[in-house]
Amino acid sequence: MSQPDNSYRAILKQLLRRNTAVTLVVGVVASATVYLFHDWFHGVLLPAIGVGPALADALGSLLIIICATVGVRLASYAAFKDPYYGLPRNVESLQLDNRKLAEVLKATEKVASVDRLTGVWNRHYFEELMANETDRVRRYGHSLSLLIIDIDKFKAVNDSLGHAAGDGVLKAVAQRLGLSLRSSDSLCRYGGEEFVVVCPDTPLSTAVVLAERLRSTVCAAVVEPAGTVTVSIGVAQYNAGEEWTQCLERADAMLYLAKERGRNRVQYDSEMTVPGGLHAAAVPTQPQVLQLAWHPSYACGIDQIDKDHIALFAYADDLLNAIAFAKPHTELCAKVDFLVEEVEAHFAREEQILARSGWPGTTIHQEHHRQLVTKAQELAVNFRNQVVEAGAVFEFLAQDLIAKHILLGDRHYFSHLVRNLKTPNGP
């Protein structure tokens, strides 16, 4: 511990710091002394001790400079309460005050951006965040997805149990959602019983997996006194060039569709959406919520190919739901490896049938197969080594394999096979 300074210099410093009047008086007296005794000092004292005129002028000027300096120092006591640093120390004090003010303003801004009931970000913050994130998309080409979440039958909770119970549900749901989000995601209360999640650097496929995780997390908990609470979620990916409100409108339309189709489900918006493609299951109590549904209209009429396609739909559907329900990584890797093997086997059988039929596009189609197999194999390795997330697997299955290849690319040979194979239902 430091000891107090009791020197005369310290005592004088404290006296002058604490008494502005004393400081000013001392400064005035010191300055007046220079001018009252300058003539006597310069004209009488110095010549009497044998100092020449030139040296006397120099010593007189030096005396004025010394006394003026003392006056400035003493004035700094009165003005800034600091004998050594004066104005610079006062500037440091102002800078410190500015930093404190900035901290207070930042805290105030945060309070203004947080929903008081749930503790998550509010609508004002969400609107500013979307404006900033969509600007990043336009400038740097990043992906951005948006989730809009609505608590199912919330009005019934308020009406039957009261607003206090409703507030409890809102806080509980916000807490459950927050526990399942990534650090980069932002959860905001949009209004009433609606929440939104802003997902930067997130393609639609990853956002759908995240949405299903949120849905399952909420419905797995019991909120007293309301009991089991469920949510419906609409998902949309922002398209560069559109207003962020348009993305919100598409997500809201998906939310409305999820409500119409039974609630407690995830519905997503995509230009690659096809009839019977990825959608939420109709029965909330079923363990399977995401479903790749086969439809008879997808059949080509060739028994082997149709059987393979139906099987691939089922295998992909099983894997997607395992991803959505966050099954152990080793289990997911086994399902991915199995699906890649089945895809390779199917492609080989399909190519034999195409070659036998004499379809002109067989060579090009085989090249598409090789590209898909290469991508699937690389994806399986990277997923096993945790280089890529489950969203990449989801995107490959739902978009590249199912939507683009099986439901679009394979349709190019359907009519040719039916015309040129003698036994279309059993080649």
Protein backbone atom coordinates (compact mmCIF):
# COMPACT_ATOMS: atom_id res chain seq x y z
CA MET A 1 0.00 0.00 0.00
CA SER A 2 1.40 3.47 -0.90
CA GLN A 3 2.23 5.94 1.89
CA PRO A 4 0.82 9.50 1.95
CA ASP A 5 3.16 12.28 0.77
CA ASN A 6 3.59 14.78 3.62
CA SER A 7 6.28 16.89 1.97
CA TYR A 8 5.87 20.66 1.83
CA ARG A 9 5.46 20.39 -1.92
CA ALA A 10 2.55 17.96 -1.59
CA ILE A 11 0.93 20.10 1.13
CA LEU A 12 1.24 23.20 -1.09
CA LYS A 13 -0.17 21.23 -4.02
CA GLN A 14 -3.21 20.14 -2.01
CA LEU A 15 -3.74 23.68 -0.71
CA LEU A 16 -3.72 25.11 -4.21
CA ARG A 17 -5.87 22.30 -5.65
CA ARG A 18 -8.54 22.72 -3.00
CA ASN A 19 -8.65 26.50 -2.81
CA THR A 20 -9.11 28.31 -6.09
CA ALA A 21 -9.09 31.73 -4.39
CA VAL A 22 -5.65 31.12 -2.85
CA THR A 23 -4.35 29.98 -6.23
CA LEU A 24 -5.55 33.11 -7.99
CA VAL A 25 -4.20 35.43 -5.30
CA VAL A 26 -0.78 33.80 -5.39
CA GLY A 27 -0.72 34.03 -9.16
CA VAL A 28 -1.68 37.73 -9.18
CA VAL A 29 0.87 38.60 -6.48
CA ALA A 30 3.65 36.76 -8.29
CA SER A 31 2.87 38.54 -11.55
CA ALA A 32 2.64 41.98 -9.90
CA THR A 33 6.00 41.46 -8.19
CA VAL A 34 7.72 41.22 -11.56
CA TYR A 35 6.49 44.62 -12.69
CA LEU A 36 6.83 46.46 -9.30
CA PHE A 37 10.46 45.49 -8.78
CA HIS A 38 11.67 45.12 -12.34
CA ASP A 39 12.98 48.69 -12.61
CA TRP A 40 14.75 48.45 -9.23
CA PHE A 41 16.16 45.03 -10.08
CA HIS A 42 17.27 46.09 -13.54
CA GLY A 43 18.38 49.68 -12.84
CA VAL A 44 19.73 49.56 -9.25
CA LEU A 45 20.58 46.08 -8.03
CA LEU A 46 22.33 44.72 -11.08
CA PRO A 47 24.53 47.81 -11.75
CA ALA A 48 25.41 47.97 -8.02
CA ILE A 49 26.94 44.49 -8.17
CA GLY A 50 28.85 45.32 -11.34
CA VAL A 51 26.60 43.78 -13.96
CA GLY A 52 26.89 45.43 -17.37
CA PRO A 53 23.89 46.87 -19.27
CA ALA A 54 23.70 44.00 -21.80
CA LEU A 55 23.77 41.31 -19.13
CA ALA A 56 21.31 43.29 -16.97
CA ASP A 57 18.81 43.41 -19.87
CA ALA A 58 19.16 39.65 -20.36
CA LEU A 59 18.68 38.89 -16.63
CA GLY A 60 15.67 41.21 -16.48
CA SER A 61 14.01 39.42 -19.39
CA LEU A 62 14.76 36.04 -17.80
CA LEU A 63 13.07 37.19 -14.58
CA ILE A 64 9.95 38.17 -16.52
CA ILE A 65 9.86 34.78 -18.28
CA ILE A 66 10.27 32.89 -14.99
CA CYS A 67 7.53 34.81 -13.24
CA ALA A 68 5.21 34.52 -16.23
CA THR A 69 5.75 30.76 -16.25
CA VAL A 70 4.94 30.58 -12.56
CA GLY A 71 1.79 32.58 -13.22
CA VAL A 72 0.66 30.18 -15.94
CA ARG A 73 1.29 27.21 -13.66
CA LEU A 74 -0.67 28.78 -10.87
CA ALA A 75 -3.47 29.65 -13.26
CA SER A 76 -3.62 25.99 -14.26
CA TYR A 77 -4.27 25.15 -10.59
CA ALA A 78 -7.32 27.39 -10.61
CA ALA A 79 -8.63 26.31 -13.99
CA PHE A 80 -7.80 22.60 -14.07
CA LYS A 81 -6.78 21.63 -10.51
CA ASP A 82 -3.49 20.09 -11.72
CA PRO A 83 -0.10 21.82 -11.37
CA TYR A 84 1.84 19.50 -13.67
CA TYR A 85 -0.41 18.48 -16.57
CA GLY A 86 -3.01 21.20 -16.73
CA LEU A 87 -5.05 21.07 -19.92
CA PRO A 88 -3.80 17.67 -21.17
CA ARG A 89 -4.99 16.00 -17.96
CA ASN A 90 -8.35 17.72 -18.31
CA VAL A 91 -8.62 16.39 -21.88
CA GLU A 92 -7.99 12.87 -20.55
CA SER A 93 -10.81 13.40 -18.08
CA LEU A 94 -13.13 14.48 -20.88
CA GLN A 95 -12.16 11.42 -22.92
CA LEU A 96 -12.96 9.20 -19.95
CA ASP A 97 -16.33 10.88 -19.60
CA ASN A 98 -16.98 10.31 -23.30
CA ARG A 99 -16.19 6.61 -22.96
CA LYS A 100 -18.53 6.31 -20.01
CA LEU A 101 -21.22 8.14 -21.97
CA ALA A 102 -20.73 5.78 -24.93
CA GLU A 103 -21.14 2.79 -22.63
CA VAL A 104 -24.34 4.24 -21.21
CA LEU A 105 -25.68 4.93 -24.71
CA LYS A 106 -24.81 1.39 -25.81
CA ALA A 107 -26.59 -0.08 -22.80
CA THR A 108 -29.58 2.16 -23.46
CA GLU A 109 -29.68 1.12 -27.11
CA LYS A 110 -29.61 -2.55 -26.10
CA VAL A 111 -32.49 -2.02 -23.70
CA ALA A 112 -34.42 -0.35 -26.53
CA SER A 113 -33.68 -3.34 -28.83
CA VAL A 114 -34.70 -6.13 -26.43
CA ASP A 115 -38.22 -7.44 -25.87
CA ARG A 116 -38.95 -6.86 -22.18
CA LEU A 117 -41.09 -9.96 -21.72
CA THR A 118 -39.01 -12.66 -23.41
CA GLY A 119 -35.53 -11.13 -23.32
CA VAL A 120 -34.91 -11.74 -27.05
CA TRP A 121 -34.41 -9.04 -29.68
CA ASN A 122 -37.48 -7.01 -30.62
CA ARG A 123 -39.05 -6.07 -33.96
CA HIS A 124 -37.11 -2.81 -34.27
CA TYR A 125 -33.82 -4.68 -33.96
CA PHE A 126 -35.02 -7.32 -36.44
CA GLU A 127 -35.83 -4.73 -39.10
CA GLU A 128 -32.42 -3.07 -38.75
CA LEU A 129 -30.67 -6.45 -38.78
CA MET A 130 -32.44 -7.57 -41.96
CA ALA A 131 -31.52 -4.32 -43.70
CA ASN A 132 -27.86 -4.87 -42.78
CA GLU A 133 -27.78 -8.58 -43.62
CA THR A 134 -29.48 -8.18 -46.99
CA ASP A 135 -26.94 -5.49 -47.82
CA ARG A 136 -24.19 -8.03 -47.05
CA VAL A 137 -25.84 -10.52 -49.39
CA ARG A 138 -25.92 -7.99 -52.21
CA ARG A 139 -22.30 -6.93 -51.65
CA TYR A 140 -20.57 -10.22 -50.88
CA GLY A 141 -22.91 -12.92 -52.19
CA HIS A 142 -23.51 -14.62 -48.84
CA SER A 143 -26.63 -16.72 -48.31
CA LEU A 144 -29.34 -15.62 -45.88
CA SER A 145 -32.42 -17.47 -44.67
CA LEU A 146 -35.35 -16.42 -42.53
CA LEU A 147 -37.61 -18.43 -40.24
CA ILE A 148 -40.95 -17.14 -38.97
CA ILE A 149 -42.37 -19.07 -36.01
CA ASP A 150 -45.90 -18.96 -34.63
CA ILE A 151 -47.12 -20.62 -31.43
CA ASP A 152 -50.03 -22.88 -32.31
CA LYS A 153 -53.41 -22.12 -30.68
CA PHE A 154 -51.92 -19.40 -28.49
CA LYS A 155 -55.18 -17.46 -28.31
CA ALA A 156 -56.82 -20.47 -26.66
CA VAL A 157 -54.16 -20.37 -23.93
CA ASN A 158 -54.87 -16.71 -23.23
CA ASP A 159 -58.63 -17.19 -23.29
CA SER A 160 -58.75 -20.28 -21.08
CA LEU A 161 -55.80 -19.77 -18.72
CA GLY A 162 -55.33 -16.00 -18.71
CA HIS A 163 -52.68 -13.60 -19.97
CA ALA A 164 -50.23 -14.49 -17.20
CA ALA A 165 -50.17 -18.08 -18.47
CA GLY A 166 -49.81 -16.76 -22.01
CA ASP A 167 -46.82 -14.68 -20.97
CA GLY A 168 -45.31 -17.78 -19.38
CA VAL A 169 -45.72 -19.70 -22.63
CA LEU A 170 -44.05 -16.90 -24.60
CA LYS A 171 -41.06 -16.83 -22.27
CA ALA A 172 -40.74 -20.62 -22.23
CA VAL A 173 -40.91 -20.90 -26.02
CA ALA A 174 -38.35 -18.12 -26.44
CA GLN A 175 -36.03 -19.93 -24.06
CA ARG A 176 -36.41 -23.27 -25.83
CA LEU A 177 -35.80 -21.68 -29.22
CA GLY A 178 -32.72 -19.88 -27.97
CA LEU A 179 -31.19 -23.11 -26.67
CA SER A 180 -31.36 -24.72 -30.13
CA LEU A 181 -29.96 -21.84 -32.17
CA ARG A 182 -26.41 -21.35 -33.38
CA SER A 183 -24.30 -18.42 -32.19
CA SER A 184 -24.67 -16.72 -35.58
CA ASP A 185 -28.50 -16.84 -35.52
CA SER A 186 -30.62 -14.00 -34.12
CA LEU A 187 -33.95 -14.71 -32.43
CA CYS A 188 -36.41 -11.81 -32.39
CA ARG A 189 -39.96 -11.40 -31.20
CA TYR A 190 -41.87 -10.08 -34.19
CA GLY A 191 -45.13 -9.43 -32.39
CA GLY A 192 -47.77 -11.25 -30.37
CA GLU A 193 -46.97 -14.96 -30.45
CA GLU A 194 -44.71 -14.72 -33.51
CA PHE A 195 -40.92 -14.97 -33.52
CA VAL A 196 -38.43 -14.66 -36.37
CA VAL A 197 -34.95 -16.12 -36.71
CA VAL A 198 -32.38 -14.46 -38.97
CA CYS A 199 -29.81 -17.00 -40.23
CA PRO A 200 -26.78 -15.39 -41.91
CA ASP A 201 -24.58 -17.48 -44.21
CA THR A 202 -27.28 -20.16 -44.27
CA PRO A 203 -28.79 -21.71 -47.40
CA LEU A 204 -32.39 -22.89 -47.45
CA SER A 205 -31.47 -26.53 -46.93
CA THR A 206 -29.64 -25.83 -43.67
CA ALA A 207 -32.39 -23.48 -42.53
CA VAL A 208 -35.02 -26.22 -43.00
CA VAL A 209 -33.00 -28.63 -40.85
CA LEU A 210 -32.62 -25.90 -38.22
CA ALA A 211 -36.35 -25.17 -38.33
CA GLU A 212 -37.22 -28.81 -37.75
CA ARG A 213 -34.82 -28.90 -34.80
CA LEU A 214 -36.56 -25.86 -33.31
CA ARG A 215 -40.00 -27.37 -33.85
CA SER A 216 -39.08 -30.66 -32.21
CA THR A 217 -37.33 -28.89 -29.31
CA VAL A 218 -40.42 -26.84 -28.47
CA CYS A 219 -42.94 -29.67 -28.66
CA ALA A 220 -40.72 -31.94 -26.56
CA ALA A 221 -41.16 -29.71 -23.48
CA VAL A 222 -44.16 -29.30 -21.18
CA VAL A 223 -45.04 -25.71 -20.23
CA GLU A 224 -47.23 -25.45 -17.16
CA PRO A 225 -50.12 -24.83 -16.96
CA ALA A 226 -50.56 -24.94 -20.74
CA GLY A 227 -49.07 -28.40 -21.17
CA THR A 228 -47.51 -29.36 -24.51
CA VAL A 229 -46.95 -26.39 -26.79
CA THR A 230 -46.26 -26.66 -30.52
CA VAL A 231 -45.12 -24.22 -33.18
CA SER A 232 -45.51 -23.90 -36.93
CA ILE A 233 -42.56 -22.56 -38.93
CA GLY A 234 -42.26 -20.99 -42.37
CA VAL A 235 -38.83 -20.84 -44.03
CA ALA A 236 -37.56 -18.79 -46.96
CA GLN A 237 -34.18 -17.88 -48.40
CA TYR A 238 -33.47 -14.29 -49.35
CA ASN A 239 -32.97 -13.70 -53.09
CA ALA A 240 -30.40 -11.04 -53.93
CA GLY A 241 -32.08 -8.01 -55.48
CA GLU A 242 -35.39 -8.28 -53.68
CA GLU A 243 -36.46 -6.25 -50.66
CA TRP A 244 -36.06 -8.04 -47.36
CA THR A 245 -39.78 -7.57 -46.77
CA GLN A 246 -40.45 -9.80 -49.78
CA CYS A 247 -38.45 -12.60 -48.15
CA LEU A 248 -40.49 -12.07 -44.99
CA GLU A 249 -43.71 -12.27 -47.00
CA ARG A 250 -42.66 -15.60 -48.55
CA ALA A 251 -41.74 -17.02 -45.15
CA ASP A 252 -45.07 -15.79 -43.78
CA ALA A 253 -46.90 -17.46 -46.67
CA MET A 254 -45.15 -20.72 -45.79
CA LEU A 255 -46.17 -20.26 -42.17
CA TYR A 256 -49.78 -19.83 -43.25
CA LEU A 257 -49.50 -23.00 -45.33
CA ALA A 258 -48.09 -24.90 -42.34
CA LYS A 259 -51.05 -23.73 -40.27
CA GLU A 260 -53.50 -24.75 -42.98
CA ARG A 261 -51.96 -28.21 -43.26
CA GLY A 262 -52.36 -29.07 -39.58
CA ARG A 263 -49.89 -27.00 -37.51
CA ASN A 264 -46.79 -28.29 -35.69
CA ARG A 265 -44.86 -28.53 -38.92
CA VAL A 266 -42.20 -26.87 -41.09
CA GLN A 267 -43.02 -25.51 -44.52
CA TYR A 268 -40.38 -24.01 -46.80
CA ASP A 269 -40.33 -21.86 -49.91
CA SER A 270 -38.09 -22.80 -52.84
CA GLU A 271 -38.06 -22.41 -56.58
CA MET A 272 -37.07 -26.10 -56.72
CA THR A 273 -40.18 -27.23 -54.84
CA VAL A 274 -42.03 -29.92 -56.79
CA PRO A 275 -45.40 -31.56 -56.13
CA GLY A 276 -44.97 -34.37 -53.65
CA GLY A 277 -41.48 -33.17 -52.77
CA LEU A 278 -40.21 -32.23 -49.33
CA HIS A 279 -42.99 -31.16 -47.00
CA ALA A 280 -44.16 -31.54 -43.44
CA ALA A 281 -46.16 -34.55 -42.33
CA ALA A 282 -49.86 -34.07 -41.74
CA VAL A 283 -50.15 -35.84 -38.38
CA PRO A 284 -48.31 -34.00 -35.56
CA THR A 285 -48.05 -37.12 -33.37
CA GLN A 286 -46.10 -39.11 -35.94
CA PRO A 287 -42.35 -39.27 -35.24
CA GLN A 288 -41.62 -38.47 -38.87
CA VAL A 289 -42.16 -34.81 -39.71
CA LEU A 290 -40.14 -34.19 -42.87
CA GLN A 291 -41.16 -36.46 -45.70
CA LEU A 292 -39.97 -37.16 -49.23
CA ALA A 293 -43.19 -38.54 -50.69
CA TRP A 294 -43.26 -40.66 -53.80
CA HIS A 295 -46.14 -40.01 -56.17
CA PRO A 296 -47.32 -42.32 -58.99
CA SER A 297 -46.89 -39.48 -61.48
CA TYR A 298 -43.11 -39.82 -61.02
CA ALA A 299 -43.11 -43.34 -62.49
CA CYS A 300 -41.58 -43.95 -65.92
CA GLY A 301 -43.28 -47.31 -66.50
CA ILE A 302 -40.05 -49.35 -66.33
CA ASP A 303 -40.39 -51.62 -63.34
CA GLN A 304 -36.73 -51.73 -62.27
CA ILE A 305 -36.22 -47.98 -62.50
CA ASP A 306 -39.44 -47.19 -60.66
CA LYS A 307 -38.59 -49.65 -57.87
CA ASP A 308 -35.13 -48.05 -57.51
CA HIS A 309 -36.58 -44.55 -57.40
CA ILE A 310 -39.15 -45.50 -54.76
CA ALA A 311 -36.40 -47.10 -52.67
CA LEU A 312 -34.14 -44.04 -53.00
CA PHE A 313 -36.99 -41.80 -51.87
CA ALA A 314 -37.44 -43.99 -48.79
CA TYR A 315 -33.71 -44.11 -47.97
CA ALA A 316 -33.31 -40.35 -48.43
CA ASP A 317 -36.45 -39.75 -46.38
CA ASP A 318 -35.08 -41.88 -43.55
CA LEU A 319 -31.75 -40.02 -43.58
CA LEU A 320 -33.37 -36.57 -43.64
CA ASN A 321 -35.47 -37.35 -40.60
CA ALA A 322 -32.45 -38.78 -38.78
CA ILE A 323 -30.69 -35.45 -39.47
CA ALA A 324 -33.72 -33.43 -38.39
CA PHE A 325 -33.95 -35.30 -35.07
CA ALA A 326 -30.20 -34.93 -34.42
CA LYS A 327 -29.38 -38.63 -34.33
CA PRO A 328 -25.80 -39.59 -33.31
CA HIS A 329 -23.13 -38.73 -35.86
CA THR A 330 -22.04 -42.35 -36.28
CA GLU A 331 -25.62 -43.36 -37.11
CA LEU A 332 -25.93 -40.56 -39.65
CA CYS A 333 -22.63 -41.52 -41.29
CA ALA A 334 -23.81 -45.12 -41.68
CA LYS A 335 -27.03 -43.95 -43.35
CA VAL A 336 -25.11 -41.61 -45.68
CA ASP A 337 -22.71 -44.40 -46.74
CA PHE A 338 -25.59 -46.80 -47.36
CA LEU A 339 -27.45 -44.24 -49.46
CA VAL A 340 -24.36 -43.50 -51.57
CA GLU A 341 -23.95 -47.22 -52.28
CA GLU A 342 -27.60 -47.52 -53.29
CA VAL A 343 -27.31 -44.50 -55.59
CA GLU A 344 -24.29 -46.03 -57.35
CA ALA A 345 -26.08 -49.38 -57.76
CA HIS A 346 -29.20 -47.68 -59.14
CA PHE A 347 -27.19 -45.62 -61.63
CA ALA A 348 -25.48 -48.77 -62.92
CA ARG A 349 -28.80 -50.58 -63.45
CA GLU A 350 -30.36 -47.51 -65.07
CA GLU A 351 -27.45 -47.12 -67.49
CA GLN A 352 -27.79 -50.75 -68.61
CA ILE A 353 -31.47 -50.20 -69.37
CA LEU A 354 -30.76 -46.96 -71.24
CA ALA A 355 -28.01 -48.59 -73.31
CA ARG A 356 -30.33 -51.49 -74.23
CA SER A 357 -33.03 -49.06 -75.31
CA GLY A 358 -30.67 -47.14 -77.56
CA TRP A 359 -31.51 -43.77 -76.05
CA PRO A 360 -29.36 -41.07 -77.74
CA GLY A 361 -28.75 -39.20 -74.49
CA THR A 362 -27.26 -42.17 -72.65
CA THR A 363 -23.64 -40.93 -72.74
CA ILE A 364 -24.55 -37.50 -71.38
CA HIS A 365 -26.75 -39.06 -68.73
CA GLN A 366 -23.91 -41.35 -67.67
CA GLU A 367 -21.70 -38.30 -67.22
CA HIS A 368 -24.34 -36.72 -64.98
CA HIS A 369 -24.33 -39.94 -62.95
CA ARG A 370 -20.56 -39.81 -62.53
CA GLN A 371 -20.71 -36.21 -61.36
CA LEU A 372 -23.41 -37.02 -58.81
CA VAL A 373 -21.53 -40.08 -57.52
CA THR A 374 -18.30 -38.08 -57.17
CA LYS A 375 -20.12 -35.36 -55.26
CA ALA A 376 -21.91 -37.90 -53.07
CA GLN A 377 -18.66 -39.70 -52.22
CA GLU A 378 -16.86 -36.46 -51.36
CA LEU A 379 -19.84 -35.35 -49.30
CA ALA A 380 -19.86 -38.63 -47.37
CA VAL A 381 -16.15 -38.30 -46.52
CA ASN A 382 -16.44 -34.65 -45.51
CA PHE A 383 -19.52 -35.34 -43.42
CA ARG A 384 -17.80 -38.25 -41.66
CA ASN A 385 -14.84 -35.97 -40.89
CA GLN A 386 -17.24 -33.19 -39.81
CA VAL A 387 -15.91 -30.83 -42.49
CA VAL A 388 -19.45 -30.11 -43.68
CA GLU A 389 -22.69 -29.90 -41.70
CA ALA A 390 -25.86 -31.92 -42.13
CA GLY A 391 -27.37 -29.10 -44.17
CA ALA A 392 -25.02 -29.95 -47.06
CA VAL A 393 -26.30 -33.54 -47.06
CA PHE A 394 -29.87 -32.28 -46.97
CA GLU A 395 -29.25 -29.99 -49.94
CA PHE A 396 -27.67 -32.75 -52.00
CA LEU A 397 -30.52 -35.18 -51.37
CA ALA A 398 -33.48 -32.83 -51.71
CA GLN A 399 -32.16 -30.69 -54.55
CA ASP A 400 -29.39 -32.38 -56.54
CA LEU A 401 -30.50 -36.02 -56.38
CA ILE A 402 -34.29 -35.89 -56.00
CA ALA A 403 -35.52 -32.61 -57.49
CA LYS A 404 -32.98 -31.95 -60.23
CA HIS A 405 -31.99 -35.46 -61.31
CA ILE A 406 -34.71 -37.99 -60.57
CA LEU A 407 -37.75 -35.72 -60.99
CA LEU A 408 -36.39 -33.56 -63.81
CA GLY A 409 -33.34 -35.12 -65.52
CA ASP A 410 -34.67 -38.67 -65.68
CA ARG A 411 -37.93 -37.59 -67.29
CA HIS A 412 -36.04 -36.93 -70.55
CA TYR A 413 -35.84 -40.66 -71.32
CA PHE A 414 -39.31 -41.74 -70.15
CA SER A 415 -41.10 -41.59 -73.48
CA HIS A 416 -38.18 -43.20 -75.32
CA LEU A 417 -38.10 -46.17 -72.95
CA VAL A 418 -41.82 -46.76 -73.25
CA ARG A 419 -41.64 -46.68 -77.06
CA ASN A 420 -38.52 -48.82 -77.52
CA LEU A 421 -38.63 -51.48 -74.83
CA LYS A 422 -40.92 -54.40 -75.66
CA THR A 423 -41.87 -55.12 -72.05
CA PRO A 424 -42.07 -51.75 -70.33
CA ASN A 425 -43.32 -53.25 -67.08
CA GLY A 426 -40.63 -55.89 -66.79
CA PRO A 427 -37.53 -55.48 -68.93
